[in-house]
PDB file of N, CA and C in Angstrom:
ATOM      1  N   UNK A   1     144.716  98.382 144.132  1.00  0.00           N
ATOM      2  CA  UNK A   1     144.168  98.629 142.819  1.00  0.00           C
ATOM      3  C   UNK A   1     143.398  97.389 142.373  1.00  0.00           C
ATOM      4  N   UNK A   2     142.252  97.609 141.764  1.00  0.00           N
ATOM      5  CA  UNK A   2     141.368  96.494 141.428  1.00  0.00           C
ATOM      6  C   UNK A   2     141.806  95.739 140.186  1.00  0.00           C
ATOM      7  N   UNK A   3     142.590  96.351 139.327  1.00  0.00           N
ATOM      8  CA  UNK A   3     142.998  95.684 138.101  1.00  0.00           C
ATOM      9  C   UNK A   3     141.976  95.830 136.982  1.00  0.00           C
ATOM     10  N   UNK A   4     140.835  96.434 137.269  1.00  0.00           N
ATOM     11  CA  UNK A   4     139.814  96.660 136.244  1.00  0.00           C
ATOM     12  C   UNK A   4     139.980  98.052 135.657  1.00  0.00           C
ATOM     13  N   UNK A   5     139.909  98.119 134.385  1.00  0.00           N
ATOM     14  CA  UNK A   5     139.918  99.415 133.727  1.00  0.00           C
ATOM     15  C   UNK A   5     138.572 100.071 134.012  1.00  0.00           C
ATOM     16  N   UNK A   6     138.561 101.313 134.446  1.00  0.00           N
ATOM     17  CA  UNK A   6     137.316 101.978 134.830  1.00  0.00           C
ATOM     18  C   UNK A   6     136.324 102.053 133.680  1.00  0.00           C
ATOM     19  N   UNK A   7     136.801 102.034 132.442  1.00  0.00           N
ATOM     20  CA  UNK A   7     135.901 102.102 131.290  1.00  0.00           C
ATOM     21  C   UNK A   7     135.263 100.752 130.986  1.00  0.00           C
ATOM     22  N   UNK A   8     135.799  99.674 131.516  1.00  0.00           N
ATOM     23  CA  UNK A   8     135.282  98.351 131.208  1.00  0.00           C
ATOM     24  C   UNK A   8     134.347  97.825 132.292  1.00  0.00           C
ATOM     25  N   UNK A   9     134.115  98.581 133.326  1.00  0.00           N
ATOM     26  CA  UNK A   9     133.189  98.141 134.357  1.00  0.00           C
ATOM     27  C   UNK A   9     131.783  98.035 133.789  1.00  0.00           C
ATOM     28  N   UNK A  10     130.975  97.231 134.430  1.00  0.00           N
ATOM     29  CA  UNK A  10     129.594  97.050 133.990  1.00  0.00           C
ATOM     30  C   UNK A  10     128.837  98.355 134.138  1.00  0.00           C
ATOM     31  N   UNK A  11     128.229  98.783 133.084  1.00  0.00           N
ATOM     32  CA  UNK A  11     127.453 100.023 133.091  1.00  0.00           C
ATOM     33  C   UNK A  11     126.076  99.704 132.518  1.00  0.00           C
ATOM     34  N   UNK A  12     125.050  99.635 133.358  1.00  0.00           N
ATOM     35  CA  UNK A  12     123.727  99.262 132.848  1.00  0.00           C
ATOM     36  C   UNK A  12     123.187 100.253 131.822  1.00  0.00           C
ATOM     37  N   UNK A  13     123.552 101.515 131.926  1.00  0.00           N
ATOM     38  CA  UNK A  13     123.056 102.498 130.965  1.00  0.00           C
ATOM     39  C   UNK A  13     123.705 102.312 129.597  1.00  0.00           C
ATOM     40  N   UNK A  14     124.966 101.942 129.579  1.00  0.00           N
ATOM     41  CA  UNK A  14     125.631 101.660 128.307  1.00  0.00           C
ATOM     42  C   UNK A  14     124.989 100.439 127.663  1.00  0.00           C
ATOM     43  N   UNK A  15     124.703  99.421 128.474  1.00  0.00           N
ATOM     44  CA  UNK A  15     124.038  98.228 127.950  1.00  0.00           C
ATOM     45  C   UNK A  15     122.647  98.568 127.420  1.00  0.00           C
ATOM     46  N   UNK A  16     121.910  99.398 128.148  1.00  0.00           N
ATOM     47  CA  UNK A  16     120.581  99.810 127.707  1.00  0.00           C
ATOM     48  C   UNK A  16     120.668 100.577 126.394  1.00  0.00           C
ATOM     49  N   UNK A  17     121.620 101.492 126.296  1.00  0.00           N
ATOM     50  CA  UNK A  17     121.791 102.270 125.071  1.00  0.00           C
ATOM     51  C   UNK A  17     122.098 101.347 123.891  1.00  0.00           C
ATOM     52  N   UNK A  18     122.945 100.361 124.104  1.00  0.00           N
ATOM     53  CA  UNK A  18     123.302  99.417 123.046  1.00  0.00           C
ATOM     54  C   UNK A  18     122.070  98.609 122.617  1.00  0.00           C
ATOM     55  N   UNK A  19     121.281  98.143 123.585  1.00  0.00           N
ATOM     56  CA  UNK A  19     120.096  97.345 123.261  1.00  0.00           C
ATOM     57  C   UNK A  19     119.034  98.169 122.542  1.00  0.00           C
ATOM     58  N   UNK A  20     118.837  99.405 122.961  1.00  0.00           N
ATOM     59  CA  UNK A  20     117.875 100.276 122.278  1.00  0.00           C
ATOM     60  C   UNK A  20     118.352 100.535 120.849  1.00  0.00           C
ATOM     61  N   UNK A  21     119.637 100.742 120.663  1.00  0.00           N
ATOM     62  CA  UNK A  21     120.190 100.923 119.323  1.00  0.00           C
ATOM     63  C   UNK A  21     119.943  99.710 118.446  1.00  0.00           C
ATOM     64  N   UNK A  22     120.105  98.526 119.012  1.00  0.00           N
ATOM     65  CA  UNK A  22     119.853  97.294 118.259  1.00  0.00           C
ATOM     66  C   UNK A  22     118.376  97.178 117.894  1.00  0.00           C
ATOM     67  N   UNK A  23     117.498  97.591 118.804  1.00  0.00           N
ATOM     68  CA  UNK A  23     116.066  97.554 118.522  1.00  0.00           C
ATOM     69  C   UNK A  23     115.732  98.440 117.328  1.00  0.00           C
ATOM     70  N   UNK A  24     116.272  99.662 117.316  1.00  0.00           N
ATOM     71  CA  UNK A  24     115.965 100.569 116.217  1.00  0.00           C
ATOM     72  C   UNK A  24     116.605 100.119 114.910  1.00  0.00           C
ATOM     73  N   UNK A  25     117.724  99.408 114.974  1.00  0.00           N
ATOM     74  CA  UNK A  25     118.318  98.867 113.757  1.00  0.00           C
ATOM     75  C   UNK A  25     117.383  97.857 113.110  1.00  0.00           C
ATOM     76  N   UNK A  26     116.663  97.069 113.925  1.00  0.00           N
ATOM     77  CA  UNK A  26     115.733  96.089 113.361  1.00  0.00           C
ATOM     78  C   UNK A  26     114.520  96.768 112.742  1.00  0.00           C
ATOM     79  N   UNK A  27     114.209  97.988 113.163  1.00  0.00           N
ATOM     80  CA  UNK A  27     113.073  98.720 112.610  1.00  0.00           C
ATOM     81  C   UNK A  27     113.453  99.562 111.399  1.00  0.00           C
ATOM     82  N   UNK A  28     114.722  99.614 111.063  1.00  0.00           N
ATOM     83  CA  UNK A  28     115.185 100.465 109.969  1.00  0.00           C
ATOM     84  C   UNK A  28     114.487 100.184 108.635  1.00  0.00           C
ATOM     85  N   UNK A  29     114.257  98.920 108.253  1.00  0.00           N
ATOM     86  CA  UNK A  29     113.532  98.703 106.989  1.00  0.00           C
ATOM     87  C   UNK A  29     112.140  99.334 107.000  1.00  0.00           C
ATOM     88  N   UNK A  30     111.458  99.331 108.125  1.00  0.00           N
ATOM     89  CA  UNK A  30     110.142  99.965 108.207  1.00  0.00           C
ATOM     90  C   UNK A  30     110.260 101.472 108.076  1.00  0.00           C
ATOM     91  N   UNK A  31     111.293 102.052 108.667  1.00  0.00           N
ATOM     92  CA  UNK A  31     111.518 103.498 108.567  1.00  0.00           C
ATOM     93  C   UNK A  31     111.750 103.885 107.113  1.00  0.00           C
ATOM     94  N   UNK A  32     112.536 103.091 106.400  1.00  0.00           N
ATOM     95  CA  UNK A  32     112.808 103.370 104.994  1.00  0.00           C
ATOM     96  C   UNK A  32     111.507 103.327 104.195  1.00  0.00           C
ATOM     97  N   UNK A  33     110.655 102.334 104.476  1.00  0.00           N
ATOM     98  CA  UNK A  33     109.382 102.220 103.780  1.00  0.00           C
ATOM     99  C   UNK A  33     108.527 103.457 104.023  1.00  0.00           C
ATOM    100  N   UNK A  34     108.479 103.932 105.268  1.00  0.00           N
ATOM    101  CA  UNK A  34     107.669 105.093 105.600  1.00  0.00           C
ATOM    102  C   UNK A  34     108.183 106.338 104.881  1.00  0.00           C
ATOM    103  N   UNK A  35     109.488 106.490 104.783  1.00  0.00           N
ATOM    104  CA  UNK A  35     110.060 107.687 104.173  1.00  0.00           C
ATOM    105  C   UNK A  35     109.939 107.688 102.655  1.00  0.00           C
ATOM    106  N   UNK A  36     109.796 106.514 102.038  1.00  0.00           N
ATOM    107  CA  UNK A  36     109.750 106.456 100.584  1.00  0.00           C
ATOM    108  C   UNK A  36     108.329 106.545 100.036  1.00  0.00           C
ATOM    109  N   UNK A  37     107.328 106.506 100.898  1.00  0.00           N
ATOM    110  CA  UNK A  37     105.956 106.636 100.419  1.00  0.00           C
ATOM    111  C   UNK A  37     105.748 108.067  99.946  1.00  0.00           C
ATOM    112  N   UNK A  38     105.035 108.200  98.855  1.00  0.00           N
ATOM    113  CA  UNK A  38     104.835 109.515  98.267  1.00  0.00           C
ATOM    114  C   UNK A  38     103.402 109.978  98.490  1.00  0.00           C
ATOM    115  N   UNK A  39     103.262 111.115  99.104  1.00  0.00           N
ATOM    116  CA  UNK A  39     101.972 111.762  99.284  1.00  0.00           C
ATOM    117  C   UNK A  39     102.094 113.190  98.774  1.00  0.00           C
ATOM    118  N   UNK A  40     101.035 113.699  98.164  1.00  0.00           N
ATOM    119  CA  UNK A  40     101.114 115.096  97.727  1.00  0.00           C
ATOM    120  C   UNK A  40     101.011 116.042  98.920  1.00  0.00           C
ATOM    121  N   UNK A  41     101.610 117.210  98.766  1.00  0.00           N
ATOM    122  CA  UNK A  41     101.456 118.258  99.779  1.00  0.00           C
ATOM    123  C   UNK A  41     100.022 118.766  99.687  1.00  0.00           C
ATOM    124  N   UNK A  42      99.334 118.804 100.825  1.00  0.00           N
ATOM    125  CA  UNK A  42      97.914 119.156 100.839  1.00  0.00           C
ATOM    126  C   UNK A  42      97.648 120.237 101.878  1.00  0.00           C
ATOM    127  N   UNK A  43      96.814 121.201 101.515  1.00  0.00           N
ATOM    128  CA  UNK A  43      96.279 122.192 102.452  1.00  0.00           C
ATOM    129  C   UNK A  43      94.770 122.047 102.446  1.00  0.00           C
ATOM    130  N   UNK A  44      94.179 121.977 103.631  1.00  0.00           N
ATOM    131  CA  UNK A  44      92.730 121.862 103.766  1.00  0.00           C
ATOM    132  C   UNK A  44      92.272 122.927 104.744  1.00  0.00           C
ATOM    133  N   UNK A  45      91.293 123.713 104.335  1.00  0.00           N
ATOM    134  CA  UNK A  45      90.800 124.733 105.258  1.00  0.00           C
ATOM    135  C   UNK A  45      89.295 124.916 105.107  1.00  0.00           C
ATOM    136  N   UNK A  46      88.701 125.446 106.158  1.00  0.00           N
ATOM    137  CA  UNK A  46      87.266 125.705 106.227  1.00  0.00           C
ATOM    138  C   UNK A  46      87.013 127.117 105.714  1.00  0.00           C
ATOM    139  N   UNK A  47      86.244 127.229 104.640  1.00  0.00           N
ATOM    140  CA  UNK A  47      85.929 128.530 104.054  1.00  0.00           C
ATOM    141  C   UNK A  47      84.523 128.980 104.446  1.00  0.00           C
ATOM    142  N   UNK A  48      84.038 128.539 105.589  1.00  0.00           N
ATOM    143  CA  UNK A  48      82.714 128.934 106.065  1.00  0.00           C
ATOM    144  C   UNK A  48      81.631 127.989 105.594  1.00  0.00           C
ATOM    145  N   UNK A  49      81.226 128.126 104.333  1.00  0.00           N
ATOM    146  CA  UNK A  49      80.160 127.279 103.798  1.00  0.00           C
ATOM    147  C   UNK A  49      80.685 126.060 103.047  1.00  0.00           C
ATOM    148  N   UNK A  50      82.001 125.904 103.003  1.00  0.00           N
ATOM    149  CA  UNK A  50      82.606 124.767 102.285  1.00  0.00           C
ATOM    150  C   UNK A  50      84.020 124.531 102.800  1.00  0.00           C
ATOM    151  N   UNK A  51      84.554 123.371 102.487  1.00  0.00           N
ATOM    152  CA  UNK A  51      85.957 123.074 102.761  1.00  0.00           C
ATOM    153  C   UNK A  51      86.717 123.202 101.453  1.00  0.00           C
ATOM    154  N   UNK A  52      87.913 123.720 101.523  1.00  0.00           N
ATOM    155  CA  UNK A  52      88.755 123.873 100.338  1.00  0.00           C
ATOM    156  C   UNK A  52      90.002 123.027 100.537  1.00  0.00           C
ATOM    157  N   UNK A  53      90.285 122.184  99.547  1.00  0.00           N
ATOM    158  CA  UNK A  53      91.471 121.341  99.568  1.00  0.00           C
ATOM    159  C   UNK A  53      92.339 121.738  98.386  1.00  0.00           C
ATOM    160  N   UNK A  54      93.592 122.058  98.650  1.00  0.00           N
ATOM    161  CA  UNK A  54      94.557 122.370  97.596  1.00  0.00           C
ATOM    162  C   UNK A  54      95.689 121.362  97.705  1.00  0.00           C
ATOM    163  N   UNK A  55      95.959 120.673  96.603  1.00  0.00           N
ATOM    164  CA  UNK A  55      97.011 119.654  96.598  1.00  0.00           C
ATOM    165  C   UNK A  55      98.011 119.967  95.497  1.00  0.00           C
ATOM    166  N   UNK A  56      99.281 119.780  95.801  1.00  0.00           N
ATOM    167  CA  UNK A  56     100.331 119.945  94.794  1.00  0.00           C
ATOM    168  C   UNK A  56     100.493 118.613  94.076  1.00  0.00           C
ATOM    169  N   UNK A  57     100.134 118.597  92.815  1.00  0.00           N
ATOM    170  CA  UNK A  57     100.209 117.379  92.008  1.00  0.00           C
ATOM    171  C   UNK A  57     101.019 117.673  90.753  1.00  0.00           C
ATOM    172  N   UNK A  58     102.331 117.795  90.890  1.00  0.00           N
ATOM    173  CA  UNK A  58     103.163 118.176  89.743  1.00  0.00           C
ATOM    174  C   UNK A  58     103.060 117.164  88.604  1.00  0.00           C
ATOM    175  N   UNK A  59     102.964 117.707  87.402  1.00  0.00           N
ATOM    176  CA  UNK A  59     102.911 116.861  86.219  1.00  0.00           C
ATOM    177  C   UNK A  59     101.522 116.347  85.889  1.00  0.00           C
ATOM    178  N   UNK A  60     100.515 116.699  86.684  1.00  0.00           N
ATOM    179  CA  UNK A  60      99.152 116.225  86.423  1.00  0.00           C
ATOM    180  C   UNK A  60      98.274 117.396  85.996  1.00  0.00           C
ATOM    181  N   UNK A  61      97.382 117.109  85.081  1.00  0.00           N
ATOM    182  CA  UNK A  61      96.391 118.105  84.688  1.00  0.00           C
ATOM    183  C   UNK A  61      95.129 117.878  85.519  1.00  0.00           C
ATOM    184  N   UNK A  62      94.271 118.885  85.632  1.00  0.00           N
ATOM    185  CA  UNK A  62      93.023 118.696  86.391  1.00  0.00           C
ATOM    186  C   UNK A  62      92.184 117.527  85.867  1.00  0.00           C
ATOM    187  N   UNK A  63      92.248 117.264  84.567  1.00  0.00           N
ATOM    188  CA  UNK A  63      91.483 116.160  83.983  1.00  0.00           C
ATOM    189  C   UNK A  63      91.985 114.795  84.463  1.00  0.00           C
ATOM    190  N   UNK A  64      93.233 114.721  84.871  1.00  0.00           N
ATOM    191  CA  UNK A  64      93.815 113.451  85.319  1.00  0.00           C
ATOM    192  C   UNK A  64      93.542 113.154  86.791  1.00  0.00           C
ATOM    193  N   UNK A  65      93.005 114.127  87.507  1.00  0.00           N
ATOM    194  CA  UNK A  65      92.768 113.967  88.941  1.00  0.00           C
ATOM    195  C   UNK A  65      91.357 113.428  89.152  1.00  0.00           C
ATOM    196  N   UNK A  66      91.256 112.356  89.928  1.00  0.00           N
ATOM    197  CA  UNK A  66      89.967 111.748  90.238  1.00  0.00           C
ATOM    198  C   UNK A  66      89.714 111.870  91.734  1.00  0.00           C
ATOM    199  N   UNK A  67      88.577 112.436  92.108  1.00  0.00           N
ATOM    200  CA  UNK A  67      88.184 112.572  93.510  1.00  0.00           C
ATOM    201  C   UNK A  67      86.984 111.677  93.766  1.00  0.00           C
ATOM    202  N   UNK A  68      87.003 110.994  94.912  1.00  0.00           N
ATOM    203  CA  UNK A  68      85.831 110.217  95.312  1.00  0.00           C
ATOM    204  C   UNK A  68      85.674 110.310  96.822  1.00  0.00           C
ATOM    205  N   UNK A  69      84.426 110.271  97.261  1.00  0.00           N
ATOM    206  CA  UNK A  69      84.118 110.307  98.690  1.00  0.00           C
ATOM    207  C   UNK A  69      83.336 109.049  99.028  1.00  0.00           C
ATOM    208  N   UNK A  70      83.832 108.320 100.028  1.00  0.00           N
ATOM    209  CA  UNK A  70      83.156 107.132 100.530  1.00  0.00           C
ATOM    210  C   UNK A  70      83.020 107.295 102.030  1.00  0.00           C
ATOM    211  N   UNK A  71      81.803 107.452 102.498  1.00  0.00           N
ATOM    212  CA  UNK A  71      81.605 107.702 103.925  1.00  0.00           C
ATOM    213  C   UNK A  71      82.248 109.022 104.302  1.00  0.00           C
ATOM    214  N   UNK A  72      83.237 108.959 105.186  1.00  0.00           N
ATOM    215  CA  UNK A  72      83.961 110.160 105.612  1.00  0.00           C
ATOM    216  C   UNK A  72      85.369 110.220 105.029  1.00  0.00           C
ATOM    217  N   UNK A  73      85.609 109.455 103.956  1.00  0.00           N
ATOM    218  CA  UNK A  73      86.946 109.375 103.373  1.00  0.00           C
ATOM    219  C   UNK A  73      86.965 110.003 101.988  1.00  0.00           C
ATOM    220  N   UNK A  74      87.862 110.956 101.798  1.00  0.00           N
ATOM    221  CA  UNK A  74      88.089 111.568 100.491  1.00  0.00           C
ATOM    222  C   UNK A  74      89.323 110.917  99.890  1.00  0.00           C
ATOM    223  N   UNK A  75      89.179 110.405  98.676  1.00  0.00           N
ATOM    224  CA  UNK A  75      90.305 109.777  97.981  1.00  0.00           C
ATOM    225  C   UNK A  75      90.635 110.602  96.751  1.00  0.00           C
ATOM    226  N   UNK A  76      91.916 110.931  96.608  1.00  0.00           N
ATOM    227  CA  UNK A  76      92.374 111.687  95.441  1.00  0.00           C
ATOM    228  C   UNK A  76      93.074 110.710  94.515  1.00  0.00           C
TER     229      UNK A  76
END
């Protein structure tokens, strides 16, 4: 008998799993930042002669919404 517990033997996959877990733990603050950013729900479709954009902007009136186009960028 070797005297080693079979669960305590070196397992490169367990080590890899632990290291990958540590890597993602360091990225957790970035994940939180990405999830807390607020974007409106938007639908954009081609209506033949024009594009139609519908955005859910709760609590805003049409007068409060400002649209601008710069180059190929639409800003709401």
